[in-house]
Amino acid sequence: MPKSLFRYTKAAVRNVSLVLTAALAFGLTACGGSTSAGNDDRPVVLTTFTVLADIAKNVAGDKLRVESITKVGAEIHGYEPTPGDIRKAAQAELILDNGLNLEVWFQQFVEGLDVPHAVVSEGVEPMPIAEDSYKGKPNPHAWMSPSNVQIYADNMAKAFAKLDPANAAAFEANAKTYKAQLQEVKDYLATELKALPVQQRALVSCEGAFSYLARDVGLKEVYIWAVNAEQQATPQQIARAIEFVKEHKVPAVFCESTVSNAPMMQVVEASGAKFGGVLYVDSLSEADGPVPTYLDLIRHDARTIANALTGKTS
């Protein structure tokens, strides 16, 4: 989980409101049209971040134009929309957001815009954050589960069919194909992990971003901190992780690409476990990077986890 899961100050709210007011004042709330692509007259679907945009593109196929509000590598949780974002949103015909308190800026962002939006996590069984100041709030990282993203795909297909009824069958077919690819990832990871002794079936990471993936494949999720709140891991948190890894003889531990792995390397040194690799969560990479699509991301994470825990090489 990147920094500041629920960082949304009064100043940020005020900034978004001012931006929206300015955008409305300049008449940027007209619906329909295109956001940037010249002669492309396909309906525009706007998503809140790059992972959702890629999933949506797979479901939409060539029938819709899908764009992301945030760019590759952007901090999604505490994002503050720009006037350009407001303009893009006003000209879109559908906006997709994750929900589960991920985009805490979203309500202010769409307030006053006459643009429909859909929450793609609708129907997902939320998992609460277990500790820290966010205890009891839903873990927003539902897309880290292939099973949940199958729900996302169905929700997108329904929203797209409402937007463009003539292509409803195509959206449904695309979603079906994509869901089959997701199922392959889940089945692969579950099969690979069957060889692990029960006590070693644990996913130990820096942050608690893998609750849903762990639930998918029967792993116990263990982390140093539940949410990265721009602070270093405490000695108590590190000691707790070390104790668990030692007691359960967990063969490998992991850390996310968006945070320092220094605390986890202390776990490695003290426990004898190996560092299993870097996992990706919140953002895709550029096209020439390691995870340019969501399927690349979830396949990378599944392969990294399976190989490290079972002792295989990539």
Protein backbone atom coordinates (compact mmCIF):
# COMPACT_ATOMS: atom_id res chain seq x y z
CA MET A 1 0.00 0.00 0.00
CA PRO A 2 1.60 3.32 -0.94
CA LYS A 3 1.82 6.34 1.26
CA SER A 4 -1.11 7.95 3.00
CA LEU A 5 -3.98 5.60 2.33
CA PHE A 6 -6.54 8.01 3.71
CA ARG A 7 -4.52 11.23 3.51
CA TYR A 8 -7.11 13.80 2.61
CA THR A 9 -6.80 17.01 4.57
CA LYS A 10 -9.24 19.88 4.73
CA ALA A 11 -6.82 21.82 2.57
CA ALA A 12 -6.91 19.09 -0.06
CA VAL A 13 -10.71 19.11 -0.03
CA ARG A 14 -10.67 22.87 -0.38
CA ASN A 15 -8.16 22.67 -3.24
CA VAL A 16 -10.29 20.17 -5.15
CA SER A 17 -13.40 22.28 -4.58
CA LEU A 18 -11.62 25.37 -5.88
CA VAL A 19 -10.39 23.53 -8.94
CA LEU A 20 -13.85 22.19 -9.64
CA THR A 21 -15.40 25.62 -9.17
CA ALA A 22 -12.89 27.12 -11.59
CA ALA A 23 -13.52 24.38 -14.11
CA LEU A 24 -17.25 24.88 -13.93
CA ALA A 25 -16.80 28.61 -14.27
CA PHE A 26 -15.02 28.08 -17.56
CA GLY A 27 -17.79 25.85 -18.85
CA LEU A 28 -15.91 22.57 -18.73
CA THR A 29 -18.84 20.43 -17.62
CA ALA A 30 -20.21 19.65 -21.04
CA CYS A 31 -20.79 15.91 -21.42
CA GLY A 32 -19.71 13.76 -24.32
CA GLY A 33 -17.08 14.48 -26.90
CA SER A 34 -13.46 13.51 -26.76
CA THR A 35 -10.73 14.37 -24.29
CA SER A 36 -7.70 14.51 -26.55
CA ALA A 37 -7.64 12.14 -29.48
CA GLY A 38 -8.40 14.23 -32.53
CA ASN A 39 -10.79 12.43 -34.85
CA ASP A 40 -11.44 9.52 -32.50
CA ASP A 41 -15.17 9.77 -31.85
CA ARG A 42 -15.53 6.67 -29.68
CA PRO A 43 -17.19 7.21 -26.29
CA VAL A 44 -14.61 8.16 -23.67
CA VAL A 45 -14.28 6.17 -20.45
CA LEU A 46 -12.12 7.70 -17.72
CA THR A 47 -10.65 5.63 -14.89
CA THR A 48 -9.03 6.83 -11.70
CA PHE A 49 -5.71 5.00 -12.12
CA THR A 50 -3.67 2.98 -14.58
CA VAL A 51 -4.55 -0.51 -13.34
CA LEU A 52 -8.26 0.12 -13.85
CA ALA A 53 -7.58 1.66 -17.25
CA ASP A 54 -5.79 -1.45 -18.47
CA ILE A 55 -8.50 -3.80 -17.20
CA ALA A 56 -11.13 -1.57 -18.82
CA LYS A 57 -9.29 -1.59 -22.16
CA ASN A 58 -9.42 -5.37 -22.21
CA VAL A 59 -13.17 -5.34 -21.65
CA ALA A 60 -13.87 -2.42 -23.99
CA GLY A 61 -11.77 -3.74 -26.86
CA ASP A 62 -11.79 -1.25 -29.72
CA LYS A 63 -15.31 -0.01 -29.04
CA LEU A 64 -14.46 2.64 -26.43
CA ARG A 65 -11.56 4.94 -25.70
CA VAL A 66 -10.25 4.39 -22.17
CA GLU A 67 -8.00 6.84 -20.35
CA SER A 68 -6.62 7.15 -16.82
CA ILE A 69 -6.81 10.29 -14.70
CA THR A 70 -3.51 9.50 -13.01
CA LYS A 71 -0.32 8.62 -14.84
CA VAL A 72 2.04 5.69 -14.42
CA GLY A 73 3.70 5.82 -11.01
CA ALA A 74 1.28 8.40 -9.54
CA GLU A 75 0.27 8.25 -5.88
CA ILE A 76 -3.41 7.34 -6.12
CA HIS A 77 -4.53 7.48 -2.47
CA GLY A 78 -3.83 11.13 -1.79
CA TYR A 79 -4.04 12.38 -5.36
CA GLU A 80 -5.22 15.96 -5.91
CA PRO A 81 -6.95 16.54 -9.27
CA THR A 82 -5.73 19.29 -11.57
CA PRO A 83 -7.83 21.62 -13.74
CA GLY A 84 -6.86 19.42 -16.69
CA ASP A 85 -8.26 16.38 -14.90
CA ILE A 86 -11.54 18.17 -14.32
CA ARG A 87 -11.73 19.09 -18.00
CA LYS A 88 -11.10 15.48 -19.04
CA ALA A 89 -13.73 14.22 -16.62
CA ALA A 90 -16.30 16.72 -17.81
CA GLN A 91 -15.85 15.56 -21.40
CA ALA A 92 -15.95 11.85 -20.60
CA GLU A 93 -19.11 9.80 -20.95
CA LEU A 94 -18.37 7.40 -18.09
CA ILE A 95 -16.00 7.45 -15.10
CA LEU A 96 -14.86 4.28 -13.34
CA ASP A 97 -13.50 4.25 -9.81
CA ASN A 98 -12.30 1.44 -7.58
CA GLY A 99 -14.22 2.35 -4.44
CA LEU A 100 -13.40 0.82 -1.02
CA ASN A 101 -12.05 4.20 0.12
CA LEU A 102 -9.17 4.08 -2.36
CA GLU A 103 -9.88 7.37 -4.12
CA VAL A 104 -10.82 9.54 -1.16
CA TRP A 105 -10.66 12.58 -3.41
CA PHE A 106 -13.17 11.17 -5.86
CA GLN A 107 -16.43 12.50 -4.42
CA GLN A 108 -15.17 16.07 -4.56
CA PHE A 109 -13.76 15.39 -8.00
CA VAL A 110 -17.09 14.41 -9.59
CA GLU A 111 -19.32 16.72 -7.59
CA GLY A 112 -21.11 19.02 -9.99
CA LEU A 113 -20.22 16.96 -13.08
CA ASP A 114 -23.12 15.53 -15.05
CA VAL A 115 -21.17 12.37 -15.91
CA PRO A 116 -22.26 8.87 -14.82
CA HIS A 117 -19.78 6.75 -12.91
CA ALA A 118 -19.54 3.11 -11.85
CA VAL A 119 -17.78 1.56 -8.86
CA VAL A 120 -15.98 -1.47 -10.25
CA SER A 121 -15.47 -3.20 -6.90
CA GLU A 122 -19.22 -3.52 -6.33
CA GLY A 123 -19.91 -7.12 -5.32
CA VAL A 124 -16.43 -7.76 -3.90
CA GLU A 125 -16.41 -9.06 -0.33
CA PRO A 126 -14.33 -6.43 1.49
CA MET A 127 -11.53 -7.42 3.85
CA PRO A 128 -10.93 -5.01 6.72
CA ILE A 129 -7.54 -3.58 7.60
CA ALA A 130 -6.57 -5.42 10.76
CA GLU A 131 -4.59 -2.84 12.71
CA ASP A 132 -3.11 0.64 13.02
CA SER A 133 -5.19 3.79 12.80
CA TYR A 134 -7.03 2.35 9.77
CA LYS A 135 -8.28 -0.72 11.63
CA GLY A 136 -11.72 -1.78 10.44
CA LYS A 137 -11.64 0.23 7.22
CA PRO A 138 -11.86 -1.82 4.02
CA ASN A 139 -8.58 -2.76 2.42
CA PRO A 140 -8.90 -1.06 -0.97
CA HIS A 141 -6.47 -3.33 -2.86
CA ALA A 142 -9.16 -5.66 -4.14
CA TRP A 143 -7.59 -5.72 -7.62
CA MET A 144 -4.70 -7.75 -6.23
CA SER A 145 -7.02 -10.76 -6.43
CA PRO A 146 -7.65 -12.38 -9.83
CA SER A 147 -11.04 -13.49 -8.50
CA ASN A 148 -11.99 -9.93 -7.64
CA VAL A 149 -10.84 -8.61 -11.00
CA GLN A 150 -13.22 -11.11 -12.62
CA ILE A 151 -15.93 -9.17 -10.74
CA TYR A 152 -14.41 -5.91 -11.94
CA ALA A 153 -14.58 -7.16 -15.53
CA ASP A 154 -18.26 -8.08 -15.23
CA ASN A 155 -19.09 -4.71 -13.67
CA MET A 156 -17.25 -2.92 -16.45
CA ALA A 157 -19.03 -4.95 -19.14
CA LYS A 158 -22.39 -3.98 -17.63
CA ALA A 159 -21.45 -0.30 -17.39
CA PHE A 160 -20.13 -0.30 -20.96
CA ALA A 161 -23.28 -2.01 -22.24
CA LYS A 162 -25.36 0.74 -20.66
CA LEU A 163 -23.15 3.35 -22.30
CA ASP A 164 -23.03 1.61 -25.70
CA PRO A 165 -25.86 -0.95 -25.97
CA ALA A 166 -25.04 -1.81 -29.58
CA ASN A 167 -21.77 -3.40 -28.47
CA ALA A 168 -23.03 -5.13 -25.33
CA ALA A 169 -22.32 -8.60 -26.74
CA ALA A 170 -18.73 -7.62 -27.55
CA PHE A 171 -18.14 -6.30 -24.03
CA GLU A 172 -19.53 -9.50 -22.52
CA ALA A 173 -17.34 -11.65 -24.77
CA ASN A 174 -14.25 -9.60 -23.99
CA ALA A 175 -14.92 -9.90 -20.27
CA LYS A 176 -15.32 -13.66 -20.59
CA THR A 177 -11.97 -14.00 -22.36
CA TYR A 178 -10.23 -11.78 -19.83
CA LYS A 179 -11.75 -13.66 -16.90
CA ALA A 180 -10.37 -16.91 -18.29
CA GLN A 181 -6.87 -15.40 -18.35
CA LEU A 182 -7.28 -14.28 -14.75
CA GLN A 183 -8.42 -17.74 -13.73
CA GLU A 184 -5.24 -19.20 -15.20
CA VAL A 185 -3.13 -16.95 -12.95
CA LYS A 186 -5.07 -17.92 -9.83
CA ASP A 187 -4.97 -21.63 -10.71
CA TYR A 188 -1.24 -21.48 -11.42
CA LEU A 189 -0.42 -19.92 -8.04
CA ALA A 190 -2.73 -22.23 -6.10
CA THR A 191 -1.25 -25.29 -7.81
CA GLU A 192 2.34 -24.22 -7.24
CA LEU A 193 1.74 -23.61 -3.54
CA LYS A 194 0.20 -27.04 -2.88
CA ALA A 195 3.66 -28.49 -2.27
CA LEU A 196 4.30 -26.13 0.64
CA PRO A 197 3.86 -27.43 4.19
CA VAL A 198 0.81 -25.83 5.76
CA GLN A 199 2.81 -23.82 8.31
CA GLN A 200 4.89 -22.26 5.54
CA ARG A 201 1.91 -21.07 3.50
CA ALA A 202 2.40 -17.42 4.35
CA LEU A 203 2.87 -14.26 2.30
CA VAL A 204 5.15 -11.98 4.32
CA SER A 205 5.45 -8.49 2.81
CA CYS A 206 6.36 -4.97 3.86
CA GLU A 207 2.77 -3.71 3.69
CA GLY A 208 -0.67 -5.25 3.98
CA ALA A 209 -1.53 -4.94 0.31
CA PHE A 210 -2.05 -8.63 -0.42
CA SER A 211 -5.02 -9.59 1.75
CA TYR A 212 -7.23 -10.50 -1.20
CA LEU A 213 -4.54 -12.41 -3.10
CA ALA A 214 -3.68 -14.37 0.05
CA ARG A 215 -7.36 -15.20 0.51
CA ASP A 216 -7.57 -16.42 -3.08
CA VAL A 217 -4.89 -19.07 -2.69
CA GLY A 218 -4.97 -20.00 0.99
CA LEU A 219 -1.96 -18.05 2.23
CA LYS A 220 -1.74 -16.35 5.61
CA GLU A 221 -0.95 -12.68 5.13
CA VAL A 222 1.76 -11.25 7.38
CA TYR A 223 3.25 -7.77 7.03
CA ILE A 224 5.52 -5.35 8.81
CA TRP A 225 2.99 -2.51 8.71
CA ALA A 226 -0.65 -2.44 7.64
CA VAL A 227 -0.42 0.92 5.91
CA ASN A 228 2.60 2.98 4.99
CA ALA A 229 1.95 6.30 6.75
CA GLU A 230 5.22 7.95 5.78
CA GLN A 231 7.03 6.55 8.78
CA GLN A 232 9.74 3.98 9.37
CA ALA A 233 8.84 0.53 10.60
CA THR A 234 9.04 0.26 14.37
CA PRO A 235 11.38 -2.21 16.06
CA GLN A 236 8.30 -3.98 17.43
CA GLN A 237 6.85 -4.45 13.94
CA ILE A 238 10.11 -5.84 12.60
CA ALA A 239 10.53 -8.13 15.62
CA ARG A 240 7.02 -9.47 15.16
CA ALA A 241 7.72 -10.34 11.52
CA ILE A 242 11.02 -11.98 12.45
CA GLU A 243 9.32 -14.09 15.11
CA PHE A 244 6.63 -15.27 12.70
CA VAL A 245 9.09 -16.16 9.94
CA LYS A 246 11.30 -18.10 12.35
CA GLU A 247 8.44 -19.93 14.05
CA HIS A 248 6.80 -21.00 10.79
CA LYS A 249 10.04 -21.54 8.86
CA VAL A 250 8.79 -19.28 6.06
CA PRO A 251 11.32 -19.70 3.24
CA ALA A 252 11.01 -16.25 1.62
CA VAL A 253 9.70 -12.75 2.23
CA PHE A 254 8.83 -9.88 -0.11
CA CYS A 255 8.48 -6.11 -0.40
CA GLU A 256 6.56 -3.79 -2.70
CA SER A 257 8.11 -1.67 -5.43
CA THR A 258 6.85 1.60 -3.94
CA VAL A 259 8.55 1.36 -0.52
CA SER A 260 12.02 0.77 0.89
CA ASN A 261 12.85 -2.88 1.50
CA ALA A 262 15.30 -1.97 4.31
CA PRO A 263 12.98 -3.14 7.13
CA MET A 264 12.37 -6.45 5.36
CA MET A 265 16.08 -6.96 4.87
CA GLN A 266 16.39 -6.84 8.66
CA VAL A 267 13.85 -9.67 8.77
CA VAL A 268 15.92 -11.59 6.22
CA GLU A 269 19.14 -11.13 8.20
CA ALA A 270 17.60 -12.14 11.53
CA SER A 271 15.40 -15.01 10.37
CA GLY A 272 17.45 -16.76 7.71
CA ALA A 273 14.66 -16.43 5.14
CA LYS A 274 15.66 -15.24 1.71
CA PHE A 275 14.38 -12.08 0.05
CA GLY A 276 11.97 -13.44 -2.53
CA GLY A 277 11.70 -10.35 -4.71
CA VAL A 278 9.84 -7.16 -5.46
CA LEU A 279 6.05 -7.23 -5.86
CA TYR A 280 3.96 -4.67 -7.77
CA VAL A 281 0.64 -3.30 -6.52
CA ASP A 282 -0.65 0.19 -7.27
CA SER A 283 0.58 1.27 -10.65
CA LEU A 284 1.60 -0.18 -13.97
CA SER A 285 4.99 0.58 -15.47
CA GLU A 286 5.76 2.30 -18.73
CA ALA A 287 5.37 0.15 -21.85
CA ASP A 288 9.01 -0.94 -21.75
CA GLY A 289 8.93 -1.66 -17.99
CA PRO A 290 8.35 -4.90 -16.09
CA VAL A 291 4.55 -4.63 -15.66
CA PRO A 292 3.01 -2.58 -18.49
CA THR A 293 -0.38 -4.34 -18.13
CA TYR A 294 -2.41 -5.65 -15.21
CA LEU A 295 -1.99 -9.23 -16.41
CA ASP A 296 1.76 -8.65 -16.48
CA LEU A 297 1.57 -7.31 -12.93
CA ILE A 298 -0.45 -10.15 -11.43
CA ARG A 299 1.50 -12.79 -13.37
CA HIS A 300 4.79 -11.28 -12.19
CA ASP A 301 3.63 -11.29 -8.58
CA ALA A 302 2.23 -14.83 -8.78
CA ARG A 303 5.41 -16.16 -10.38
CA THR A 304 7.67 -14.32 -7.92
CA ILE A 305 5.70 -15.60 -4.92
CA ALA A 306 5.51 -19.18 -6.20
CA ASN A 307 9.16 -19.42 -7.16
CA ALA A 308 10.46 -17.94 -3.91
CA LEU A 309 8.26 -19.94 -1.57
CA THR A 310 8.81 -23.25 -3.35
CA GLY A 311 12.50 -22.75 -4.04
CA LYS A 312 12.18 -22.70 -7.81
CA THR A 313 14.08 -20.35 -10.07
CA SER A 314 12.41 -18.00 -12.56
